[in-house]
């Protein structure tokens, strides 16, 4: 049979163990909060960079669209001119490749 003193010693040992575990968990939680804070800052920077990159890509897409439109108009203009020249000179068109 356990005496009151034995029970108090067991109680003290378990309380100390719980306190030590709680301290360790508290330190771990603080460390994790710091790590999460650093990650949030990094993610924020990455989001800004991605926004900048997307803006640049939109500008590039716009420039390519303008270039394609220009080249398409120039090509169609040249085709019309060649057809008119072939017609005026009675030249048979070359086979399309």
N, C-alpha and C. Protein backbone atom coordinates (compact mmCIF):
# COMPACT_ATOMS: atom_id res chain seq x y z
N UNK A 1 0.84 -1.17 0.00
CA UNK A 1 0.00 0.00 0.00
C UNK A 1 0.89 1.23 0.00
N UNK A 2 0.49 2.24 -0.78
CA UNK A 2 1.27 3.45 -0.87
C UNK A 2 0.87 4.42 0.23
N UNK A 3 1.88 5.05 0.76
CA UNK A 3 1.62 6.01 1.82
C UNK A 3 1.35 7.37 1.19
N UNK A 4 0.91 8.30 2.04
CA UNK A 4 0.63 9.65 1.56
C UNK A 4 1.90 10.30 1.04
N UNK A 5 3.00 10.03 1.69
CA UNK A 5 4.29 10.58 1.26
C UNK A 5 4.68 10.02 -0.11
N UNK A 6 4.45 8.73 -0.36
CA UNK A 6 4.74 8.11 -1.65
C UNK A 6 3.89 8.76 -2.75
N UNK A 7 2.62 8.96 -2.45
CA UNK A 7 1.72 9.57 -3.42
C UNK A 7 2.16 11.01 -3.73
N UNK A 8 2.58 11.75 -2.71
CA UNK A 8 3.06 13.12 -2.93
C UNK A 8 4.32 13.14 -3.78
N UNK A 9 5.22 12.17 -3.57
CA UNK A 9 6.43 12.09 -4.38
C UNK A 9 6.09 11.78 -5.84
N UNK A 10 5.15 10.85 -6.02
CA UNK A 10 4.72 10.51 -7.39
C UNK A 10 4.09 11.73 -8.04
N UNK A 11 3.26 12.43 -7.28
CA UNK A 11 2.61 13.63 -7.79
C UNK A 11 3.66 14.68 -8.19
N UNK A 12 4.67 14.88 -7.34
CA UNK A 12 5.72 15.86 -7.62
C UNK A 12 6.51 15.47 -8.86
N UNK A 13 6.83 14.20 -9.00
CA UNK A 13 7.58 13.72 -10.17
C UNK A 13 6.78 13.93 -11.45
N UNK A 14 5.51 13.60 -11.41
CA UNK A 14 4.68 13.78 -12.61
C UNK A 14 4.51 15.26 -12.93
N UNK A 15 4.34 16.10 -11.92
CA UNK A 15 4.20 17.53 -12.17
C UNK A 15 5.48 18.11 -12.78
N UNK A 16 6.63 17.68 -12.25
CA UNK A 16 7.90 18.14 -12.81
C UNK A 16 8.05 17.70 -14.27
N UNK A 17 7.67 16.46 -14.54
CA UNK A 17 7.77 15.95 -15.91
C UNK A 17 6.85 16.74 -16.84
N UNK A 18 5.65 17.04 -16.38
CA UNK A 18 4.71 17.81 -17.18
C UNK A 18 5.23 19.22 -17.40
N UNK A 19 5.79 19.85 -16.36
CA UNK A 19 6.34 21.19 -16.49
C UNK A 19 7.49 21.22 -17.50
N UNK A 20 8.38 20.22 -17.42
CA UNK A 20 9.49 20.15 -18.37
C UNK A 20 8.98 19.99 -19.80
N UNK A 21 8.00 19.11 -19.96
CA UNK A 21 7.41 18.90 -21.29
C UNK A 21 6.73 20.15 -21.80
N UNK A 22 6.05 20.85 -20.91
CA UNK A 22 5.37 22.08 -21.29
C UNK A 22 6.37 23.15 -21.69
N UNK A 23 7.48 23.26 -20.95
CA UNK A 23 8.52 24.23 -21.31
C UNK A 23 9.09 23.93 -22.68
N UNK A 24 9.35 22.66 -22.94
CA UNK A 24 9.89 22.25 -24.24
C UNK A 24 8.90 22.58 -25.36
N UNK A 25 7.63 22.29 -25.11
CA UNK A 25 6.62 22.59 -26.11
C UNK A 25 6.50 24.10 -26.34
N UNK A 26 6.58 24.87 -25.28
CA UNK A 26 6.50 26.33 -25.40
C UNK A 26 7.66 26.86 -26.24
N UNK A 27 8.86 26.36 -25.98
CA UNK A 27 10.03 26.77 -26.78
C UNK A 27 9.85 26.36 -28.23
N UNK A 28 9.35 25.15 -28.46
CA UNK A 28 9.13 24.68 -29.83
C UNK A 28 8.08 25.54 -30.55
N UNK A 29 7.01 25.90 -29.85
CA UNK A 29 5.96 26.72 -30.44
C UNK A 29 6.51 28.10 -30.79
N UNK A 30 7.30 28.69 -29.91
CA UNK A 30 7.89 30.00 -30.20
C UNK A 30 8.80 29.92 -31.42
N UNK A 31 9.57 28.85 -31.49
CA UNK A 31 10.46 28.66 -32.64
C UNK A 31 9.65 28.51 -33.94
N UNK A 32 8.57 27.77 -33.86
CA UNK A 32 7.72 27.59 -35.03
C UNK A 32 7.06 28.91 -35.45
N UNK A 33 6.66 29.73 -34.48
CA UNK A 33 6.07 31.03 -34.80
C UNK A 33 7.08 31.91 -35.53
N UNK A 34 8.32 31.88 -35.08
CA UNK A 34 9.37 32.65 -35.75
C UNK A 34 9.57 32.14 -37.17
N UNK A 35 9.62 30.82 -37.32
CA UNK A 35 9.80 30.24 -38.66
C UNK A 35 8.64 30.60 -39.58
N UNK A 36 7.41 30.56 -39.05
CA UNK A 36 6.24 30.90 -39.84
C UNK A 36 6.29 32.37 -40.24
N UNK A 37 6.72 33.22 -39.33
CA UNK A 37 6.84 34.65 -39.64
C UNK A 37 7.84 34.87 -40.78
N UNK A 38 8.97 34.18 -40.72
CA UNK A 38 9.97 34.29 -41.78
C UNK A 38 9.40 33.80 -43.11
N UNK A 39 8.67 32.70 -43.06
CA UNK A 39 8.07 32.15 -44.28
C UNK A 39 7.04 33.11 -44.86
N UNK A 40 6.26 33.75 -43.99
CA UNK A 40 5.27 34.70 -44.48
C UNK A 40 5.95 35.87 -45.19
N UNK A 41 7.05 36.34 -44.64
CA UNK A 41 7.78 37.42 -45.29
C UNK A 41 8.33 36.98 -46.64
N UNK A 42 8.86 35.75 -46.69
CA UNK A 42 9.40 35.23 -47.95
C UNK A 42 8.29 35.08 -48.98
N UNK A 43 7.15 34.57 -48.56
CA UNK A 43 6.02 34.40 -49.48
C UNK A 43 5.55 35.76 -49.99
N UNK A 44 5.54 36.74 -49.12
CA UNK A 44 5.14 38.08 -49.52
C UNK A 44 6.07 38.62 -50.59
N UNK A 45 7.38 38.44 -50.40
CA UNK A 45 8.35 38.88 -51.40
C UNK A 45 8.15 38.14 -52.72
N UNK A 46 7.91 36.83 -52.61
CA UNK A 46 7.71 36.03 -53.83
C UNK A 46 6.45 36.48 -54.57
N UNK A 47 5.40 36.80 -53.82
CA UNK A 47 4.17 37.26 -54.46
C UNK A 47 4.42 38.57 -55.21
N UNK A 48 5.20 39.47 -54.62
CA UNK A 48 5.53 40.72 -55.30
C UNK A 48 6.33 40.44 -56.57
N UNK A 49 7.29 39.51 -56.48
CA UNK A 49 8.09 39.16 -57.66
C UNK A 49 7.23 38.54 -58.75
N UNK A 50 6.32 37.68 -58.36
CA UNK A 50 5.45 37.03 -59.35
C UNK A 50 4.56 38.08 -60.01
N UNK A 51 4.08 39.03 -59.23
CA UNK A 51 3.26 40.10 -59.79
C UNK A 51 4.06 40.90 -60.81
N UNK A 52 5.30 41.21 -60.47
CA UNK A 52 6.16 41.95 -61.38
C UNK A 52 6.41 41.15 -62.66
N UNK A 53 6.68 39.86 -62.50
CA UNK A 53 6.93 39.00 -63.67
C UNK A 53 5.68 38.91 -64.54
N UNK A 54 4.52 38.75 -63.92
CA UNK A 54 3.28 38.67 -64.69
C UNK A 54 3.03 39.97 -65.46
N UNK A 55 3.33 41.08 -64.83
CA UNK A 55 3.17 42.37 -65.51
C UNK A 55 4.09 42.44 -66.73
N UNK A 56 5.33 42.00 -66.54
CA UNK A 56 6.29 41.98 -67.65
C UNK A 56 5.84 41.05 -68.77
N UNK A 57 5.30 39.90 -68.40
CA UNK A 57 4.82 38.95 -69.42
C UNK A 57 3.65 39.53 -70.20
N UNK A 58 2.78 40.26 -69.52
CA UNK A 58 1.67 40.88 -70.23
C UNK A 58 2.18 41.90 -71.25
N UNK A 59 3.21 42.66 -70.86
CA UNK A 59 3.80 43.63 -71.80
C UNK A 59 4.40 42.91 -73.00
N UNK A 60 5.10 41.81 -72.74
CA UNK A 60 5.71 41.04 -73.83
C UNK A 60 4.64 40.47 -74.74
N UNK A 61 3.57 39.92 -74.16
CA UNK A 61 2.47 39.39 -74.97
C UNK A 61 1.86 40.47 -75.85
N UNK A 62 1.68 41.65 -75.28
CA UNK A 62 1.12 42.76 -76.05
C UNK A 62 2.04 43.12 -77.21
N UNK A 63 3.34 43.15 -76.95
CA UNK A 63 4.29 43.49 -78.02
C UNK A 63 4.27 42.43 -79.11
N UNK A 64 4.20 41.15 -78.72
CA UNK A 64 4.14 40.09 -79.73
C UNK A 64 2.84 40.17 -80.53
N UNK A 65 1.74 40.47 -79.86
CA UNK A 65 0.48 40.62 -80.58
C UNK A 65 0.58 41.74 -81.60
N UNK A 66 1.16 42.87 -81.16
CA UNK A 66 1.33 43.98 -82.09
C UNK A 66 2.24 43.59 -83.26
N UNK A 67 3.31 42.87 -82.97
CA UNK A 67 4.23 42.43 -84.02
C UNK A 67 3.53 41.49 -85.00
N UNK A 68 2.77 40.51 -84.48
CA UNK A 68 2.07 39.58 -85.36
C UNK A 68 1.04 40.32 -86.22
N UNK A 69 0.33 41.27 -85.62
CA UNK A 69 -0.64 42.04 -86.39
C UNK A 69 0.06 42.81 -87.52
N UNK A 70 1.18 43.43 -87.19
CA UNK A 70 1.93 44.19 -88.19
C UNK A 70 2.40 43.28 -89.31
N UNK A 71 3.03 42.15 -88.94
CA UNK A 71 3.55 41.23 -89.96
C UNK A 71 2.43 40.65 -90.81
N UNK A 72 1.29 40.36 -90.20
CA UNK A 72 0.16 39.82 -90.96
C UNK A 72 -0.35 40.85 -91.96
N UNK A 73 -0.48 42.10 -91.54
CA UNK A 73 -0.93 43.15 -92.46
C UNK A 73 0.07 43.36 -93.58
N UNK A 74 1.35 43.35 -93.24
CA UNK A 74 2.38 43.52 -94.27
C UNK A 74 2.35 42.36 -95.26
N UNK A 75 2.18 41.15 -94.77
CA UNK A 75 2.13 39.97 -95.64
C UNK A 75 0.93 40.06 -96.59
N UNK A 76 -0.21 40.41 -96.03
CA UNK A 76 -1.41 40.50 -96.87
C UNK A 76 -1.25 41.60 -97.92
N UNK A 77 -0.62 42.69 -97.55
CA UNK A 77 -0.38 43.78 -98.50
C UNK A 77 0.54 43.32 -99.62
N UNK A 78 1.58 42.59 -99.25
CA UNK A 78 2.52 42.09 -100.26
C UNK A 78 1.85 41.07 -101.18
N UNK A 79 1.01 40.22 -100.62
CA UNK A 79 0.31 39.23 -101.45
C UNK A 79 -0.57 39.95 -102.48
N UNK A 80 -1.28 40.97 -102.04
CA UNK A 80 -2.13 41.72 -102.98
C UNK A 80 -1.29 42.37 -104.08
N UNK A 81 -0.15 42.92 -103.69
CA UNK A 81 0.71 43.58 -104.68
C UNK A 81 1.26 42.57 -105.69
N UNK A 82 1.68 41.40 -105.21
CA UNK A 82 2.22 40.38 -106.10
C UNK A 82 1.14 39.88 -107.05
N UNK A 83 -0.06 39.67 -106.54
CA UNK A 83 -1.15 39.22 -107.41
C UNK A 83 -1.45 40.28 -108.47
N UNK A 84 -1.45 41.55 -108.09
CA UNK A 84 -1.70 42.62 -109.05
C UNK A 84 -0.58 42.66 -110.11
N UNK A 85 0.66 42.49 -109.68
CA UNK A 85 1.79 42.49 -110.63
C UNK A 85 1.70 41.29 -111.57
N UNK A 86 1.38 40.12 -111.01
CA UNK A 86 1.25 38.92 -111.85
C UNK A 86 0.12 39.10 -112.87
N UNK A 87 -0.95 39.70 -112.42
CA UNK A 87 -2.09 39.91 -113.33
C UNK A 87 -1.71 40.89 -114.43
N UNK A 88 -1.06 41.99 -114.06
CA UNK A 88 -0.70 43.01 -115.05
C UNK A 88 0.33 42.50 -116.06
N UNK A 89 1.24 41.64 -115.62
CA UNK A 89 2.27 41.12 -116.51
C UNK A 89 1.90 39.79 -117.14
N UNK A 90 0.70 39.30 -116.85
CA UNK A 90 0.24 37.99 -117.37
C UNK A 90 1.23 36.89 -117.02
N UNK A 91 1.66 36.86 -115.78
CA UNK A 91 2.58 35.83 -115.30
C UNK A 91 1.78 34.81 -114.49
N UNK A 92 2.09 33.54 -114.74
CA UNK A 92 1.44 32.48 -113.96
C UNK A 92 2.03 32.49 -112.53
N UNK A 93 1.19 32.42 -111.54
CA UNK A 93 1.71 32.40 -110.16
C UNK A 93 2.49 31.10 -109.91
N UNK A 94 3.50 31.22 -109.08
CA UNK A 94 4.26 30.02 -108.68
C UNK A 94 3.38 29.17 -107.77
N UNK A 95 3.68 27.89 -107.76
CA UNK A 95 2.90 27.00 -106.90
C UNK A 95 3.14 27.36 -105.43
N UNK A 96 2.08 27.31 -104.66
CA UNK A 96 2.24 27.56 -103.22
C UNK A 96 2.97 26.42 -102.58
N UNK A 97 3.87 26.73 -101.69
CA UNK A 97 4.65 25.69 -101.04
C UNK A 97 4.10 25.39 -99.70
